[in-house]
C-alpha atoms as a PDB file:
ATOM      1  CA  MET A   1      -0.048  -0.073   0.006  1.00  0.00           C
ATOM      2  CA  ILE A   2       2.439   2.383   1.233  1.00  0.00           C
ATOM      3  CA  ALA A   3       4.985   1.432  -2.702  1.00  0.00           C
ATOM      4  CA  LYS A   4       1.236   2.071  -4.012  1.00  0.00           C
ATOM      5  CA  LYS A   5       1.007   5.976  -2.552  1.00  0.00           C
ATOM      6  CA  LEU A   6       4.458   6.291  -3.319  1.00  0.00           C
ATOM      7  CA  ILE A   7       3.918   5.657  -7.041  1.00  0.00           C
ATOM      8  CA  ILE A   8       0.648   7.310  -6.894  1.00  0.00           C
ATOM      9  CA  LYS A   9       2.812  10.766  -5.645  1.00  0.00           C
ATOM     10  CA  ARG A  10       5.736  10.634  -8.013  1.00  0.00           C
ATOM     11  CA  VAL A  11       3.368  10.604 -10.800  1.00  0.00           C
ATOM     12  CA  ILE A  12       1.510  13.113  -9.553  1.00  0.00           C
ATOM     13  CA  ILE A  13       4.745  15.350  -9.467  1.00  0.00           C
ATOM     14  CA  LEU A  14       5.759  14.487 -12.921  1.00  0.00           C
ATOM     15  CA  LEU A  15       2.452  15.508 -13.978  1.00  0.00           C
ATOM     16  CA  PHE A  16       2.579  18.811 -12.678  1.00  0.00           C
ATOM     17  CA  SER A  17       6.376  19.092 -13.767  1.00  0.00           C
ATOM     18  CA  TYR A  18       5.387  18.406 -16.986  1.00  0.00           C
ATOM     19  CA  MET A  19       2.576  20.633 -16.938  1.00  0.00           C
ATOM     20  CA  ALA A  20       4.554  23.689 -15.774  1.00  0.00           C
ATOM     21  CA  LEU A  21       6.684  22.962 -18.630  1.00  0.00           C
ATOM     22  CA  ALA A  22       4.183  22.730 -20.953  1.00  0.00           C
ATOM     23  CA  LEU A  23       2.511  26.397 -19.197  1.00  0.00           C
ATOM     24  CA  ASN A  24       5.985  27.872 -19.676  1.00  0.00           C
ATOM     25  CA  ILE A  25       6.523  26.710 -23.546  1.00  0.00           C
ATOM     26  CA  VAL A  26       3.103  28.609 -24.396  1.00  0.00           C
ATOM     27  CA  ASN A  27       3.915  31.771 -22.135  1.00  0.00           C
ATOM     28  CA  ALA A  28       7.297  32.410 -23.983  1.00  0.00           C
ATOM     29  CA  LYS A  29       7.056  34.972 -26.118  1.00  0.00           C
ATOM     30  CA  THR A  30      10.812  35.988 -26.827  1.00  0.00           C
ATOM     31  CA  PHE A  31      12.615  34.235 -29.523  1.00  0.00           C
ATOM     32  CA  ILE A  32      16.270  35.251 -30.285  1.00  0.00           C
ATOM     33  CA  LYS A  33      17.520  33.960 -34.066  1.00  0.00           C
ATOM     34  CA  GLY A  34      22.057  34.655 -34.170  1.00  0.00           C
ATOM     35  CA  GLU A  35      24.987  34.794 -32.678  1.00  0.00           C
ATOM     36  CA  ILE A  36      25.490  37.308 -29.518  1.00  0.00           C
ATOM     37  CA  ILE A  37      28.773  38.200 -30.412  1.00  0.00           C
ATOM     38  CA  ALA A  38      30.973  41.441 -31.092  1.00  0.00           C
ATOM     39  CA  GLY A  39      29.948  42.634 -34.399  1.00  0.00           C
ATOM     40  CA  GLY A  40      26.849  40.294 -34.726  1.00  0.00           C
ATOM     41  CA  ILE A  41      23.322  40.734 -35.517  1.00  0.00           C
ATOM     42  CA  ILE A  42      20.392  39.260 -33.467  1.00  0.00           C
ATOM     43  CA  ILE A  43      16.711  39.010 -34.840  1.00  0.00           C
ATOM     44  CA  VAL A  44      14.216  39.078 -31.682  1.00  0.00           C
ATOM     45  CA  ASN A  45      10.827  38.035 -31.867  1.00  0.00           C
ATOM     46  CA  VAL A  46       8.268  39.093 -29.332  1.00  0.00           C
ATOM     47  CA  SER A  47       4.463  39.652 -29.176  1.00  0.00           C
ATOM     48  CA  PRO A  48       2.871  42.078 -31.216  1.00  0.00           C
ATOM     49  CA  GLY A  49       1.971  45.097 -29.664  1.00  0.00           C
ATOM     50  CA  SER A  50       4.819  44.830 -27.031  1.00  0.00           C
ATOM     51  CA  THR A  51       7.432  47.728 -26.165  1.00  0.00           C
ATOM     52  CA  VAL A  52      11.485  47.194 -25.975  1.00  0.00           C
ATOM     53  CA  LYS A  53      14.219  48.537 -24.309  1.00  0.00           C
ATOM     54  CA  LEU A  54      17.797  47.751 -24.383  1.00  0.00           C
ATOM     55  CA  ASN A  55      20.124  49.162 -21.936  1.00  0.00           C
ATOM     56  CA  ASP A  56      17.117  51.803 -21.045  1.00  0.00           C
ATOM     57  CA  GLU A  57      16.841  53.105 -24.712  1.00  0.00           C
ATOM     58  CA  SER A  58      13.852  52.301 -26.654  1.00  0.00           C
ATOM     59  CA  ILE A  59      14.088  49.983 -29.640  1.00  0.00           C
ATOM     60  CA  MET A  60      12.008  50.080 -33.039  1.00  0.00           C
ATOM     61  CA  ILE A  61       9.868  47.313 -33.136  1.00  0.00           C
ATOM     62  CA  SER A  62       7.594  46.538 -36.345  1.00  0.00           C
ATOM     63  CA  ASP A  63       3.823  45.333 -35.768  1.00  0.00           C
ATOM     64  CA  LYS A  64       4.897  41.504 -36.059  1.00  0.00           C
ATOM     65  CA  GLY A  65       6.828  42.054 -33.021  1.00  0.00           C
ATOM     66  CA  VAL A  66      10.315  41.769 -34.436  1.00  0.00           C
ATOM     67  CA  PHE A  67      12.963  43.965 -34.043  1.00  0.00           C
ATOM     68  CA  LEU A  68      16.994  44.055 -34.667  1.00  0.00           C
ATOM     69  CA  VAL A  69      19.844  44.049 -32.162  1.00  0.00           C
ATOM     70  CA  GLY A  70      23.715  44.804 -33.163  1.00  0.00           C
ATOM     71  CA  PHE A  71      27.133  44.239 -31.444  1.00  0.00           C
ATOM     72  CA  GLU A  72      29.636  46.604 -32.355  1.00  0.00           C
ATOM     73  CA  ARG A  73      33.223  46.233 -32.560  1.00  0.00           C
ATOM     74  CA  LYS A  74      34.112  46.401 -28.530  1.00  0.00           C
ATOM     75  CA  PRO A  75      30.530  46.205 -27.168  1.00  0.00           C
ATOM     76  CA  GLN A  76      29.474  46.232 -23.420  1.00  0.00           C
ATOM     77  CA  PRO A  77      29.967  42.733 -22.411  1.00  0.00           C
ATOM     78  CA  THR A  78      26.964  42.280 -20.823  1.00  0.00           C
ATOM     79  CA  GLN A  79      23.487  44.067 -22.089  1.00  0.00           C
ATOM     80  CA  ILE A  80      19.905  44.031 -21.042  1.00  0.00           C
ATOM     81  CA  LEU A  81      16.830  43.800 -22.865  1.00  0.00           C
ATOM     82  CA  GLU A  82      13.792  44.547 -21.541  1.00  0.00           C
ATOM     83  CA  ILE A  83       9.969  43.573 -22.863  1.00  0.00           C
ATOM     84  CA  TYR A  84       7.255  45.276 -21.541  1.00  0.00           C
ATOM     85  CA  ASN A  85       3.485  44.666 -22.504  1.00  0.00           C
ATOM     86  CA  GLU A  86       0.968  47.414 -21.699  1.00  0.00           C
ATOM     87  CA  ASN A  87       4.104  49.450 -20.011  1.00  0.00           C
ATOM     88  CA  VAL A  88       4.437  46.269 -17.390  1.00  0.00           C
ATOM     89  CA  LEU A  89       7.593  44.597 -17.730  1.00  0.00           C
ATOM     90  CA  VAL A  90       7.018  40.987 -18.553  1.00  0.00           C
ATOM     91  CA  GLU A  91      10.799  39.477 -19.674  1.00  0.00           C
ATOM     92  CA  LYS A  92      14.113  40.410 -18.973  1.00  0.00           C
ATOM     93  CA  ILE A  93      17.063  39.110 -20.794  1.00  0.00           C
ATOM     94  CA  THR A  94      20.389  39.286 -20.327  1.00  0.00           C
ATOM     95  CA  LEU A  95      22.706  39.046 -22.941  1.00  0.00           C
ATOM     96  CA  ASN A  96      26.231  38.308 -22.507  1.00  0.00           C
ATOM     97  CA  VAL A  97      28.179  39.226 -25.857  1.00  0.00           C
ATOM     98  CA  LYS A  98      31.108  37.363 -26.564  1.00  0.00           C
ATOM     99  CA  ILE A  99      33.988  39.286 -27.182  1.00  0.00           C
ATOM    100  CA  ARG A 100      36.371  38.620 -30.213  1.00  0.00           C
ATOM    101  CA  SER A 101      40.327  39.612 -30.825  1.00  0.00           C
ATOM    102  CA  TYR A 102      41.285  41.067 -34.211  1.00  0.00           C
ATOM    103  CA  GLU A 103      43.689  40.748 -36.801  1.00  0.00           C
ATOM    104  CA  ILE A 104      46.407  43.734 -37.320  1.00  0.00           C
ATOM    105  CA  GLN A 105      46.627  44.499 -41.394  1.00  0.00           C
ATOM    106  CA  ARG A 106      49.416  46.122 -42.751  1.00  0.00           C
ATOM    107  CA  ILE A 107      48.591  47.960 -46.172  1.00  0.00           C
ATOM    108  CA  ASN A 108      51.483  49.456 -48.367  1.00  0.00           C
ATOM    109  CA  GLY A 109      51.864  51.209 -51.637  1.00  0.00           C
ATOM    110  CA  ILE A 110      48.610  53.703 -50.812  1.00  0.00           C
ATOM    111  CA  ASN A 111      48.897  57.229 -52.831  1.00  0.00           C
ATOM    112  CA  LYS A 112      50.522  59.230 -49.724  1.00  0.00           C
ATOM    113  CA  ASP A 113      47.559  62.015 -50.429  1.00  0.00           C
ATOM    114  CA  LYS A 114      45.035  59.479 -49.287  1.00  0.00           C
ATOM    115  CA  VAL A 115      46.444  58.423 -46.577  1.00  0.00           C
ATOM    116  CA  ASP A 116      47.182  61.867 -44.788  1.00  0.00           C
ATOM    117  CA  PRO A 117      45.088  64.291 -47.178  1.00  0.00           C
ATOM    118  CA  PRO A 118      46.376  67.533 -48.207  1.00  0.00           C
ATOM    119  CA  GLN A 119      44.637  70.750 -46.293  1.00  0.00           C
ATOM    120  CA  SER A 120      42.805  71.648 -49.430  1.00  0.00           C
ATOM    121  CA  VAL A 121      40.211  68.350 -49.647  1.00  0.00           C
ATOM    122  CA  ILE A 122      39.503  68.546 -45.832  1.00  0.00           C
ATOM    123  CA  ASP A 123      36.452  70.932 -46.210  1.00  0.00           C
ATOM    124  CA  ARG A 124      35.505  68.013 -49.092  1.00  0.00           C
ATOM    125  CA  ILE A 125      35.968  64.700 -46.893  1.00  0.00           C
ATOM    126  CA  TYR A 126      33.853  66.607 -44.183  1.00  0.00           C
ATOM    127  CA  MET A 127      30.761  67.529 -46.676  1.00  0.00           C
ATOM    128  CA  GLU A 128      31.472  64.028 -47.831  1.00  0.00           C
ATOM    129  CA  ARG A 129      31.181  62.015 -44.204  1.00  0.00           C
ATOM    130  CA  ASN A 130      28.061  64.681 -42.975  1.00  0.00           C
ATOM    131  CA  SER A 131      26.263  63.882 -46.189  1.00  0.00           C
ATOM    132  CA  VAL A 132      26.724  60.185 -45.360  1.00  0.00           C
ATOM    133  CA  LYS A 133      25.540  60.687 -41.998  1.00  0.00           C
ATOM    134  CA  GLU A 134      22.484  62.422 -43.153  1.00  0.00           C
ATOM    135  CA  SER A 135      21.525  59.305 -45.507  1.00  0.00           C
ATOM    136  CA  ARG A 136      22.035  56.704 -42.485  1.00  0.00           C
ATOM    137  CA  LYS A 137      19.574  59.164 -40.134  1.00  0.00           C
ATOM    138  CA  LYS A 138      17.095  58.447 -43.239  1.00  0.00           C
ATOM    139  CA  SER A 139      17.484  54.985 -43.015  1.00  0.00           C
ATOM    140  CA  ASN A 140      16.614  54.973 -38.837  1.00  0.00           C
ATOM    141  CA  LEU A 141      13.401  56.176 -40.175  1.00  0.00           C
ATOM    142  CA  ILE A 142      12.475  53.166 -42.523  1.00  0.00           C
ATOM    143  CA  THR A 143       9.739  50.837 -40.345  1.00  0.00           C
ATOM    144  CA  SER A 144       9.371  48.313 -43.526  1.00  0.00           C
ATOM    145  CA  THR A 145      11.136  45.109 -42.656  1.00  0.00           C
ATOM    146  CA  TYR A 146      12.887  44.721 -46.014  1.00  0.00           C
ATOM    147  CA  TYR A 147      15.659  42.464 -44.438  1.00  0.00           C
ATOM    148  CA  ASN A 148      12.322  39.799 -44.263  1.00  0.00           C
ATOM    149  CA  ASN A 149      12.927  39.033 -47.559  1.00  0.00           C
ATOM    150  CA  GLY A 150      16.072  36.969 -47.531  1.00  0.00           C
ATOM    151  CA  PHE A 151      19.899  37.508 -47.843  1.00  0.00           C
ATOM    152  CA  VAL A 152      22.355  36.742 -50.734  1.00  0.00           C
ATOM    153  CA  LEU A 153      25.892  37.497 -50.742  1.00  0.00           C
ATOM    154  CA  PRO A 154      26.627  40.457 -52.738  1.00  0.00           C
ATOM    155  CA  ALA A 155      29.767  39.206 -54.571  1.00  0.00           C
ATOM    156  CA  LYS A 156      31.974  35.863 -54.290  1.00  0.00           C
ATOM    157  CA  GLY A 157      35.590  35.668 -53.878  1.00  0.00           C
ATOM    158  CA  PRO A 158      38.677  35.738 -52.173  1.00  0.00           C
ATOM    159  CA  ILE A 159      38.593  37.349 -48.617  1.00  0.00           C
ATOM    160  CA  SER A 160      41.784  40.080 -48.537  1.00  0.00           C
ATOM    161  CA  GLY A 161      40.276  42.173 -45.492  1.00  0.00           C
ATOM    162  CA  VAL A 162      38.243  40.966 -42.387  1.00  0.00           C
ATOM    163  CA  TYR A 163      36.140  43.169 -40.137  1.00  0.00           C
ATOM    164  CA  GLY A 164      37.507  44.472 -37.059  1.00  0.00           C
ATOM    165  CA  SER A 165      41.359  44.145 -38.385  1.00  0.00           C
ATOM    166  CA  GLN A 166      43.583  47.268 -36.994  1.00  0.00           C
ATOM    167  CA  ARG A 167      44.413  48.847 -40.249  1.00  0.00           C
ATOM    168  CA  ILE A 168      48.160  49.937 -40.335  1.00  0.00           C
ATOM    169  CA  LEU A 169      48.623  52.213 -44.033  1.00  0.00           C
ATOM    170  CA  ASN A 170      51.857  52.993 -45.333  1.00  0.00           C
ATOM    171  CA  GLY A 171      53.389  51.712 -41.413  1.00  0.00           C
ATOM    172  CA  LYS A 172      50.480  54.652 -39.697  1.00  0.00           C
ATOM    173  CA  PRO A 173      48.149  52.763 -37.508  1.00  0.00           C
ATOM    174  CA  ARG A 174      44.521  54.226 -39.029  1.00  0.00           C
ATOM    175  CA  SER A 175      41.149  53.757 -37.432  1.00  0.00           C
ATOM    176  CA  PRO A 176      40.347  49.942 -37.525  1.00  0.00           C
ATOM    177  CA  HIS A 177      38.759  48.227 -40.911  1.00  0.00           C
ATOM    178  CA  TYR A 178      34.795  48.162 -40.640  1.00  0.00           C
ATOM    179  CA  GLY A 179      33.838  45.494 -43.395  1.00  0.00           C
ATOM    180  CA  ILE A 180      34.844  42.524 -45.381  1.00  0.00           C
ATOM    181  CA  ASP A 181      36.869  42.908 -48.846  1.00  0.00           C
ATOM    182  CA  ILE A 182      36.219  40.670 -51.696  1.00  0.00           C
ATOM    183  CA  ALA A 183      38.941  40.932 -53.914  1.00  0.00           C
ATOM    184  CA  LEU A 184      38.042  40.674 -57.512  1.00  0.00           C
ATOM    185  CA  PRO A 185      38.373  42.102 -61.115  1.00  0.00           C
ATOM    186  CA  LYS A 186      37.080  45.380 -61.988  1.00  0.00           C
ATOM    187  CA  GLY A 187      33.719  45.294 -63.738  1.00  0.00           C
ATOM    188  CA  HIS A 188      32.474  42.476 -61.592  1.00  0.00           C
ATOM    189  CA  GLU A 189      29.124  42.541 -60.682  1.00  0.00           C
ATOM    190  CA  VAL A 190      27.416  43.169 -57.220  1.00  0.00           C
ATOM    191  CA  VAL A 191      23.832  42.182 -55.959  1.00  0.00           C
ATOM    192  CA  SER A 192      21.933  43.432 -53.285  1.00  0.00           C
ATOM    193  CA  PRO A 193      21.944  41.146 -50.757  1.00  0.00           C
ATOM    194  CA  MET A 194      18.357  41.678 -49.750  1.00  0.00           C
ATOM    195  CA  ASP A 195      15.615  43.932 -50.129  1.00  0.00           C
ATOM    196  CA  GLY A 196      15.865  47.606 -49.545  1.00  0.00           C
ATOM    197  CA  ILE A 197      15.624  50.902 -50.340  1.00  0.00           C
ATOM    198  CA  VAL A 198      18.928  53.346 -51.981  1.00  0.00           C
ATOM    199  CA  VAL A 199      19.608  56.184 -49.455  1.00  0.00           C
ATOM    200  CA  PHE A 200      23.384  57.334 -50.896  1.00  0.00           C
ATOM    201  CA  SER A 201      24.550  56.659 -53.944  1.00  0.00           C
ATOM    202  CA  ASN A 202      28.002  59.103 -55.538  1.00  0.00           C
ATOM    203  CA  ASN A 203      30.661  57.820 -57.520  1.00  0.00           C
ATOM    204  CA  ASP A 204      33.197  60.082 -56.451  1.00  0.00           C
ATOM    205  CA  LEU A 205      33.966  60.204 -52.668  1.00  0.00           C
ATOM    206  CA  TYR A 206      37.602  60.604 -51.565  1.00  0.00           C
ATOM    207  CA  TYR A 207      38.060  57.932 -49.721  1.00  0.00           C
ATOM    208  CA  SER A 208      35.881  55.401 -50.685  1.00  0.00           C
ATOM    209  CA  GLY A 209      34.991  56.063 -54.345  1.00  0.00           C
ATOM    210  CA  GLY A 210      32.037  54.892 -56.180  1.00  0.00           C
ATOM    211  CA  THR A 211      29.860  54.366 -53.160  1.00  0.00           C
ATOM    212  CA  ILE A 212      26.056  52.994 -52.244  1.00  0.00           C
ATOM    213  CA  ILE A 213      24.230  52.535 -49.378  1.00  0.00           C
ATOM    214  CA  ILE A 214      20.975  50.427 -49.131  1.00  0.00           C
ATOM    215  CA  ALA A 215      18.609  50.843 -46.187  1.00  0.00           C
ATOM    216  CA  HIS A 216      16.975  47.043 -45.062  1.00  0.00           C
ATOM    217  CA  GLY A 217      14.605  48.704 -42.537  1.00  0.00           C
ATOM    218  CA  GLN A 218      14.682  50.124 -38.864  1.00  0.00           C
ATOM    219  CA  GLY A 219      17.991  51.237 -39.016  1.00  0.00           C
ATOM    220  CA  LEU A 220      19.965  48.253 -40.856  1.00  0.00           C
ATOM    221  CA  THR A 221      22.306  49.737 -43.884  1.00  0.00           C
ATOM    222  CA  THR A 222      24.632  47.785 -46.120  1.00  0.00           C
ATOM    223  CA  SER A 223      27.282  49.502 -47.691  1.00  0.00           C
ATOM    224  CA  TYR A 224      29.632  48.995 -51.021  1.00  0.00           C
ATOM    225  CA  LEU A 225      33.090  50.935 -52.090  1.00  0.00           C
ATOM    226  CA  HIS A 226      35.260  51.371 -54.413  1.00  0.00           C
ATOM    227  CA  LEU A 227      33.155  51.007 -56.984  1.00  0.00           C
ATOM    228  CA  SER A 228      33.546  51.616 -60.875  1.00  0.00           C
ATOM    229  CA  GLU A 229      30.103  51.816 -61.747  1.00  0.00           C
ATOM    230  CA  ILE A 230      26.920  52.482 -59.993  1.00  0.00           C
ATOM    231  CA  LEU A 231      23.674  50.964 -61.349  1.00  0.00           C
ATOM    232  CA  VAL A 232      21.090  52.388 -59.057  1.00  0.00           C
ATOM    233  CA  SER A 233      19.941  55.891 -58.094  1.00  0.00           C
ATOM    234  CA  VAL A 234      18.529  57.399 -54.086  1.00  0.00           C
ATOM    235  CA  ASN A 235      14.905  56.034 -53.858  1.00  0.00           C
ATOM    236  CA  ASP A 236      15.705  52.939 -55.725  1.00  0.00           C
ATOM    237  CA  ILE A 237      13.514  49.869 -54.281  1.00  0.00           C
ATOM    238  CA  VAL A 238      16.035  47.028 -55.229  1.00  0.00           C
ATOM    239  CA  ARG A 239      15.561  43.248 -54.330  1.00  0.00           C
ATOM    240  CA  ARG A 240      17.328  40.601 -53.102  1.00  0.00           C
ATOM    241  CA  GLY A 241      19.816  39.578 -55.708  1.00  0.00           C
ATOM    242  CA  GLU A 242      19.070  42.807 -57.862  1.00  0.00           C
ATOM    243  CA  LEU A 243      22.514  44.664 -60.142  1.00  0.00           C
ATOM    244  CA  ILE A 244      23.478  47.173 -58.029  1.00  0.00           C
ATOM    245  CA  GLY A 245      26.951  48.178 -59.279  1.00  0.00           C
ATOM    246  CA  LYS A 246      30.498  46.682 -60.485  1.00  0.00           C
ATOM    247  CA  VAL A 247      33.905  46.342 -58.576  1.00  0.00           C
ATOM    248  CA  GLY A 248      36.287  48.737 -59.035  1.00  0.00           C
ATOM    249  CA  ALA A 249      39.276  50.509 -57.457  1.00  0.00           C
ATOM    250  CA  THR A 250      38.332  54.229 -56.994  1.00  0.00           C
ATOM    251  CA  GLY A 251      39.126  56.353 -53.662  1.00  0.00           C
ATOM    252  CA  ARG A 252      41.563  54.802 -51.104  1.00  0.00           C
ATOM    253  CA  ALA A 253      42.050  51.530 -52.846  1.00  0.00           C
ATOM    254  CA  THR A 254      45.134  49.179 -54.158  1.00  0.00           C
ATOM    255  CA  GLY A 255      43.542  47.053 -56.275  1.00  0.00           C
ATOM    256  CA  PRO A 256      39.951  46.401 -57.145  1.00  0.00           C
ATOM    257  CA  HIS A 257      37.865  44.818 -54.817  1.00  0.00           C
ATOM    258  CA  LEU A 258      34.169  45.252 -53.469  1.00  0.00           C
ATOM    259  CA  HIS A 259      34.579  46.728 -49.363  1.00  0.00           C
ATOM    260  CA  TRP A 260      31.199  45.701 -48.029  1.00  0.00           C
ATOM    261  CA  GLY A 261      30.030  47.076 -44.918  1.00  0.00           C
ATOM    262  CA  ALA A 262      27.014  46.841 -42.366  1.00  0.00           C
ATOM    263  CA  GLU A 263      25.884  49.145 -39.844  1.00  0.00           C
ATOM    264  CA  LEU A 264      22.551  49.186 -37.329  1.00  0.00           C
ATOM    265  CA  LYS A 265      21.632  52.792 -35.985  1.00  0.00           C
ATOM    266  CA  GLY A 266      25.537  53.696 -35.496  1.00  0.00           C
ATOM    267  CA  LYS A 267      26.686  50.230 -34.660  1.00  0.00           C
ATOM    268  CA  ARG A 268      28.896  49.094 -37.124  1.00  0.00           C
ATOM    269  CA  ILE A 269      28.608  45.491 -37.561  1.00  0.00           C
ATOM    270  CA  ASP A 270      30.438  42.427 -39.422  1.00  0.00           C
ATOM    271  CA  PRO A 271      28.901  41.575 -42.547  1.00  0.00           C
ATOM    272  CA  LYS A 272      29.273  37.743 -42.349  1.00  0.00           C
ATOM    273  CA  TYR A 273      26.763  37.825 -39.410  1.00  0.00           C
ATOM    274  CA  LEU A 274      24.409  38.982 -41.822  1.00  0.00           C
ATOM    275  CA  ASP A 275      23.435  35.337 -43.032  1.00  0.00           C
ATOM    276  CA  VAL A 276      21.118  35.704 -40.217  1.00  0.00           C
ATOM    277  CA  PHE A 277      18.723  36.346 -42.581  1.00  0.00           C
ATOM    278  CA  ASN A 278      19.011  33.332 -44.607  1.00  0.00           C
END
């Protein structure tokens, strides 16, 4: 009799444990896709109608409850994601960001004026940078989630430069490299990796030469530098896989290649992690 009661008690405990687990699964409303790592980007899905804060700052969220979080080259190792429903905190998630180490990349043979520009072009560089910044600010207002329609590489070829590496140009330390360099011959086709809207296009920037910036929604942009030819204009809607330009060696470049960059609301991320949108 005692043994029978013990068996019944264990069955009841197991049943309640299963029900609690099932209840937790039903109530689990936040899903995260992607790697939480320096330079990375994650897609987060919460209940529609929620509001979200990351480190006490509000985040743009779609009507379907989808938003993005990006991590810069040297991020805060611990970040807090808070999910609210009708102003009530319903979930608090700690994001432990994996820190990376970066290579040192030495590049010689660059035109001296491109490394240390003469005073005569300082005003030009300043104006160009402001123009790019304003374009990126406009991308922060685009609520459409163009990125939802999938991802392809903009071009395929040998990788000659990686994200985050410290650059030594003609023997002088410079800013880190915020992108991926793909070594390709002049004229090689470059396609848009995702749907989006062109927010910037210029054939002749001092440093980056032929440059395109595409907004993919919620502040996510990708950029394409040193192009020999640009085949899109500002405000054009482009689709995944659509031809946008051709590889070149314009601006500050030692040879033809595509510099491919990505940014999420001011945080420069590693383009290789955009495959999360596959």
